[in-house]
Amino acid sequence: SDKIPAVEDELKEHRRTCISEIGKLKWEIGVVTRDLGVVRKILKLVKCDDTKAAASLLQDDAEDDPEDSDDEDLGMDEHSLVECAQCMGGKGLVMLKNADVQPLINSLQSDVAKGYMQEQLKSAVAHDDSEDEDEDEDDESD
């Protein structure tokens, strides 16, 4: 009978914890839902259902004429990927130089969405770099 008040107190504390956790989870669901909306907007802007084609859209800066660019000294166009190895405490960061898409990427709130977007952008940079190396090897063999 001495255990009943203690168990009731534990139950009350457990219920408070559950209510708090439910609130946090609902907030996280809201964040992820908003991020999903942002990703949908990004996909509409790049107008692409094929991930490989979307990645190639993001990588088209290597073949463009720098004279057509606002950033002549960097050879960048409106879809250039910019990689900063020192950003994020040395972890590196890839940004898309696109006035419509980059603000949407910046508005992502969940760590999962931010991480996934960075993985995809870094993958696009790596893919672009490997294509540049292949083109350089082809040029040398001619």
C-alpha atoms as a PDB file:
ATOM      1  CA  SER A   1       0.000   0.000   0.000  1.00  0.00           C
ATOM      2  CA  ASP A   2       3.022   2.332   0.481  1.00  0.00           C
ATOM      3  CA  LYS A   3       3.908   1.771  -3.156  1.00  0.00           C
ATOM      4  CA  ILE A   4       0.599   3.092  -4.525  1.00  0.00           C
ATOM      5  CA  PRO A   5       1.340   6.827  -3.953  1.00  0.00           C
ATOM      6  CA  ALA A   6       4.832   6.405  -5.402  1.00  0.00           C
ATOM      7  CA  VAL A   7       3.493   4.594  -8.476  1.00  0.00           C
ATOM      8  CA  GLU A   8       0.789   7.255  -8.905  1.00  0.00           C
ATOM      9  CA  ASP A   9       3.471   9.964  -8.771  1.00  0.00           C
ATOM     10  CA  GLU A  10       5.525   8.073 -11.382  1.00  0.00           C
ATOM     11  CA  LEU A  11       2.415   7.778 -13.561  1.00  0.00           C
ATOM     12  CA  LYS A  12       1.753  11.537 -13.307  1.00  0.00           C
ATOM     13  CA  GLU A  13       5.380  12.292 -14.221  1.00  0.00           C
ATOM     14  CA  HIS A  14       5.206   9.817 -17.103  1.00  0.00           C
ATOM     15  CA  ARG A  15       2.043  11.495 -18.408  1.00  0.00           C
ATOM     16  CA  ARG A  16       3.709  14.941 -18.200  1.00  0.00           C
ATOM     17  CA  THR A  17       6.690  13.583 -20.109  1.00  0.00           C
ATOM     18  CA  CYS A  18       4.403  12.058 -22.751  1.00  0.00           C
ATOM     19  CA  ILE A  19       2.499  15.316 -23.192  1.00  0.00           C
ATOM     20  CA  SER A  20       5.783  17.181 -23.587  1.00  0.00           C
ATOM     21  CA  GLU A  21       7.141  14.606 -26.071  1.00  0.00           C
ATOM     22  CA  ILE A  22       3.907  14.686 -28.080  1.00  0.00           C
ATOM     23  CA  GLY A  23       4.222  18.476 -28.325  1.00  0.00           C
ATOM     24  CA  LYS A  24       7.820  18.211 -29.520  1.00  0.00           C
ATOM     25  CA  LEU A  25       6.927  15.532 -32.070  1.00  0.00           C
ATOM     26  CA  LYS A  26       4.026  17.606 -33.420  1.00  0.00           C
ATOM     27  CA  TRP A  27       6.402  20.551 -33.794  1.00  0.00           C
ATOM     28  CA  GLU A  28       8.922  18.342 -35.642  1.00  0.00           C
ATOM     29  CA  ILE A  29       6.176  17.035 -37.934  1.00  0.00           C
ATOM     30  CA  GLY A  30       5.294  20.646 -38.733  1.00  0.00           C
ATOM     31  CA  VAL A  31       8.915  21.447 -39.567  1.00  0.00           C
ATOM     32  CA  VAL A  32       9.265  18.412 -41.818  1.00  0.00           C
ATOM     33  CA  THR A  33       5.921  19.152 -43.492  1.00  0.00           C
ATOM     34  CA  ARG A  34       7.039  22.718 -44.243  1.00  0.00           C
ATOM     35  CA  ASP A  35      10.373  21.405 -45.557  1.00  0.00           C
ATOM     36  CA  LEU A  36       8.492  18.996 -47.811  1.00  0.00           C
ATOM     37  CA  GLY A  37       6.633  21.975 -49.258  1.00  0.00           C
ATOM     38  CA  VAL A  38       9.948  23.744 -49.864  1.00  0.00           C
ATOM     39  CA  VAL A  39      11.398  20.693 -51.619  1.00  0.00           C
ATOM     40  CA  ARG A  40       8.292  20.499 -53.828  1.00  0.00           C
ATOM     41  CA  LYS A  41       8.802  24.160 -54.794  1.00  0.00           C
ATOM     42  CA  ILE A  42      12.456  23.439 -55.608  1.00  0.00           C
ATOM     43  CA  LEU A  43      11.460  20.493 -57.802  1.00  0.00           C
ATOM     44  CA  LYS A  44       8.928  22.662 -59.635  1.00  0.00           C
ATOM     45  CA  LEU A  45      11.590  25.314 -60.234  1.00  0.00           C
ATOM     46  CA  VAL A  46      14.020  22.814 -61.719  1.00  0.00           C
ATOM     47  CA  LYS A  47      11.038  21.208 -63.529  1.00  0.00           C
ATOM     48  CA  CYS A  48      12.485  17.779 -63.506  1.00  0.00           C
ATOM     49  CA  ASP A  49      11.141  14.365 -62.515  1.00  0.00           C
ATOM     50  CA  ASP A  50      14.421  12.572 -63.179  1.00  0.00           C
ATOM     51  CA  THR A  51      17.047  12.955 -60.444  1.00  0.00           C
ATOM     52  CA  LYS A  52      19.971  12.435 -62.822  1.00  0.00           C
ATOM     53  CA  ALA A  53      18.653  15.097 -65.166  1.00  0.00           C
ATOM     54  CA  ALA A  54      18.053  17.443 -62.215  1.00  0.00           C
ATOM     55  CA  ALA A  55      21.636  16.884 -61.080  1.00  0.00           C
ATOM     56  CA  SER A  56      22.888  17.730 -64.561  1.00  0.00           C
ATOM     57  CA  LEU A  57      20.835  20.941 -64.482  1.00  0.00           C
ATOM     58  CA  LEU A  58      22.624  21.915 -61.300  1.00  0.00           C
ATOM     59  CA  GLN A  59      26.027  21.152 -62.812  1.00  0.00           C
ATOM     60  CA  ASP A  60      25.866  23.010 -66.090  1.00  0.00           C
ATOM     61  CA  ASP A  61      28.362  25.708 -65.086  1.00  0.00           C
ATOM     62  CA  ALA A  62      31.429  23.871 -66.402  1.00  0.00           C
ATOM     63  CA  GLU A  63      30.458  24.166 -70.077  1.00  0.00           C
ATOM     64  CA  ASP A  64      29.097  27.722 -70.143  1.00  0.00           C
ATOM     65  CA  ASP A  65      30.949  30.695 -71.505  1.00  0.00           C
ATOM     66  CA  PRO A  66      32.053  32.927 -68.636  1.00  0.00           C
ATOM     67  CA  GLU A  67      31.413  35.995 -70.845  1.00  0.00           C
ATOM     68  CA  ASP A  68      27.657  35.317 -70.557  1.00  0.00           C
ATOM     69  CA  SER A  69      27.809  35.486 -66.776  1.00  0.00           C
ATOM     70  CA  ASP A  70      27.332  38.223 -64.213  1.00  0.00           C
ATOM     71  CA  ASP A  71      30.227  36.611 -62.318  1.00  0.00           C
ATOM     72  CA  GLU A  72      32.754  36.621 -65.154  1.00  0.00           C
ATOM     73  CA  ASP A  73      35.742  36.162 -62.881  1.00  0.00           C
ATOM     74  CA  LEU A  74      34.242  32.987 -61.403  1.00  0.00           C
ATOM     75  CA  GLY A  75      32.866  31.546 -64.653  1.00  0.00           C
ATOM     76  CA  MET A  76      29.489  30.984 -62.999  1.00  0.00           C
ATOM     77  CA  ASP A  77      26.013  31.043 -64.494  1.00  0.00           C
ATOM     78  CA  GLU A  78      22.607  31.079 -62.859  1.00  0.00           C
ATOM     79  CA  HIS A  79      22.784  27.363 -61.998  1.00  0.00           C
ATOM     80  CA  SER A  80      26.344  27.159 -60.678  1.00  0.00           C
ATOM     81  CA  LEU A  81      27.282  25.116 -57.667  1.00  0.00           C
ATOM     82  CA  VAL A  82      29.618  26.849 -55.264  1.00  0.00           C
ATOM     83  CA  GLU A  83      31.591  24.708 -52.852  1.00  0.00           C
ATOM     84  CA  CYS A  84      33.117  26.093 -49.657  1.00  0.00           C
ATOM     85  CA  ALA A  85      35.383  23.567 -47.945  1.00  0.00           C
ATOM     86  CA  GLN A  86      35.875  25.809 -44.884  1.00  0.00           C
ATOM     87  CA  CYS A  87      32.160  26.401 -44.220  1.00  0.00           C
ATOM     88  CA  MET A  88      30.301  24.607 -41.430  1.00  0.00           C
ATOM     89  CA  GLY A  89      33.407  24.227 -39.281  1.00  0.00           C
ATOM     90  CA  GLY A  90      35.413  22.571 -42.056  1.00  0.00           C
ATOM     91  CA  LYS A  91      32.695  20.062 -42.975  1.00  0.00           C
ATOM     92  CA  GLY A  92      32.109  21.917 -46.220  1.00  0.00           C
ATOM     93  CA  LEU A  93      29.022  23.377 -47.777  1.00  0.00           C
ATOM     94  CA  VAL A  94      27.692  23.452 -51.318  1.00  0.00           C
ATOM     95  CA  MET A  95      25.406  26.263 -52.421  1.00  0.00           C
ATOM     96  CA  LEU A  96      23.454  26.733 -55.620  1.00  0.00           C
ATOM     97  CA  LYS A  97      23.926  30.084 -57.296  1.00  0.00           C
ATOM     98  CA  ASN A  98      20.311  30.522 -58.309  1.00  0.00           C
ATOM     99  CA  ALA A  99      18.242  33.439 -57.071  1.00  0.00           C
ATOM    100  CA  ASP A 100      15.065  31.366 -56.966  1.00  0.00           C
ATOM    101  CA  VAL A 101      16.315  28.053 -55.595  1.00  0.00           C
ATOM    102  CA  GLN A 102      19.020  28.946 -53.041  1.00  0.00           C
ATOM    103  CA  PRO A 103      16.662  30.969 -50.792  1.00  0.00           C
ATOM    104  CA  LEU A 104      14.359  27.946 -50.713  1.00  0.00           C
ATOM    105  CA  ILE A 105      17.275  25.683 -49.790  1.00  0.00           C
ATOM    106  CA  ASN A 106      18.233  28.172 -47.074  1.00  0.00           C
ATOM    107  CA  SER A 107      14.708  28.040 -45.669  1.00  0.00           C
ATOM    108  CA  LEU A 108      14.911  24.299 -44.911  1.00  0.00           C
ATOM    109  CA  GLN A 109      14.635  23.837 -41.158  1.00  0.00           C
ATOM    110  CA  SER A 110      15.013  20.137 -40.359  1.00  0.00           C
ATOM    111  CA  ASP A 111      18.496  18.700 -40.054  1.00  0.00           C
ATOM    112  CA  VAL A 112      17.391  15.741 -42.146  1.00  0.00           C
ATOM    113  CA  ALA A 113      16.282  17.939 -45.062  1.00  0.00           C
ATOM    114  CA  LYS A 114      19.400  20.126 -44.836  1.00  0.00           C
ATOM    115  CA  GLY A 115      21.654  17.064 -44.722  1.00  0.00           C
ATOM    116  CA  TYR A 116      19.901  15.392 -47.643  1.00  0.00           C
ATOM    117  CA  MET A 117      20.100  18.567 -49.739  1.00  0.00           C
ATOM    118  CA  GLN A 118      23.820  18.921 -48.971  1.00  0.00           C
ATOM    119  CA  GLU A 119      24.422  15.268 -49.875  1.00  0.00           C
ATOM    120  CA  GLN A 120      22.696  15.783 -53.217  1.00  0.00           C
ATOM    121  CA  LEU A 121      24.558  19.012 -53.989  1.00  0.00           C
ATOM    122  CA  LYS A 122      27.906  17.489 -52.966  1.00  0.00           C
ATOM    123  CA  SER A 123      27.131  14.464 -55.129  1.00  0.00           C
ATOM    124  CA  ALA A 124      26.410  16.790 -58.051  1.00  0.00           C
ATOM    125  CA  VAL A 125      29.747  18.552 -57.505  1.00  0.00           C
ATOM    126  CA  ALA A 126      31.595  15.226 -57.336  1.00  0.00           C
ATOM    127  CA  HIS A 127      29.799  13.998 -60.476  1.00  0.00           C
ATOM    128  CA  ASP A 128      30.666  17.238 -62.281  1.00  0.00           C
ATOM    129  CA  ASP A 129      34.314  16.978 -61.189  1.00  0.00           C
ATOM    130  CA  SER A 130      34.565  13.390 -62.470  1.00  0.00           C
ATOM    131  CA  GLU A 131      33.059  14.434 -65.822  1.00  0.00           C
ATOM    132  CA  ASP A 132      35.604  17.272 -66.061  1.00  0.00           C
ATOM    133  CA  GLU A 133      38.419  14.765 -65.434  1.00  0.00           C
ATOM    134  CA  ASP A 134      37.020  12.436 -68.106  1.00  0.00           C
ATOM    135  CA  GLU A 135      36.827  15.324 -70.588  1.00  0.00           C
ATOM    136  CA  ASP A 136      40.437  16.339 -69.755  1.00  0.00           C
ATOM    137  CA  GLU A 137      41.602  12.765 -70.396  1.00  0.00           C
ATOM    138  CA  ASP A 138      39.718  12.695 -73.709  1.00  0.00           C
ATOM    139  CA  ASP A 139      41.308  15.998 -74.730  1.00  0.00           C
ATOM    140  CA  GLU A 140      44.785  14.680 -73.894  1.00  0.00           C
ATOM    141  CA  SER A 141      44.293  11.524 -75.975  1.00  0.00           C
ATOM    142  CA  ASP A 142      43.344  13.561 -79.106  1.00  0.00           C
END
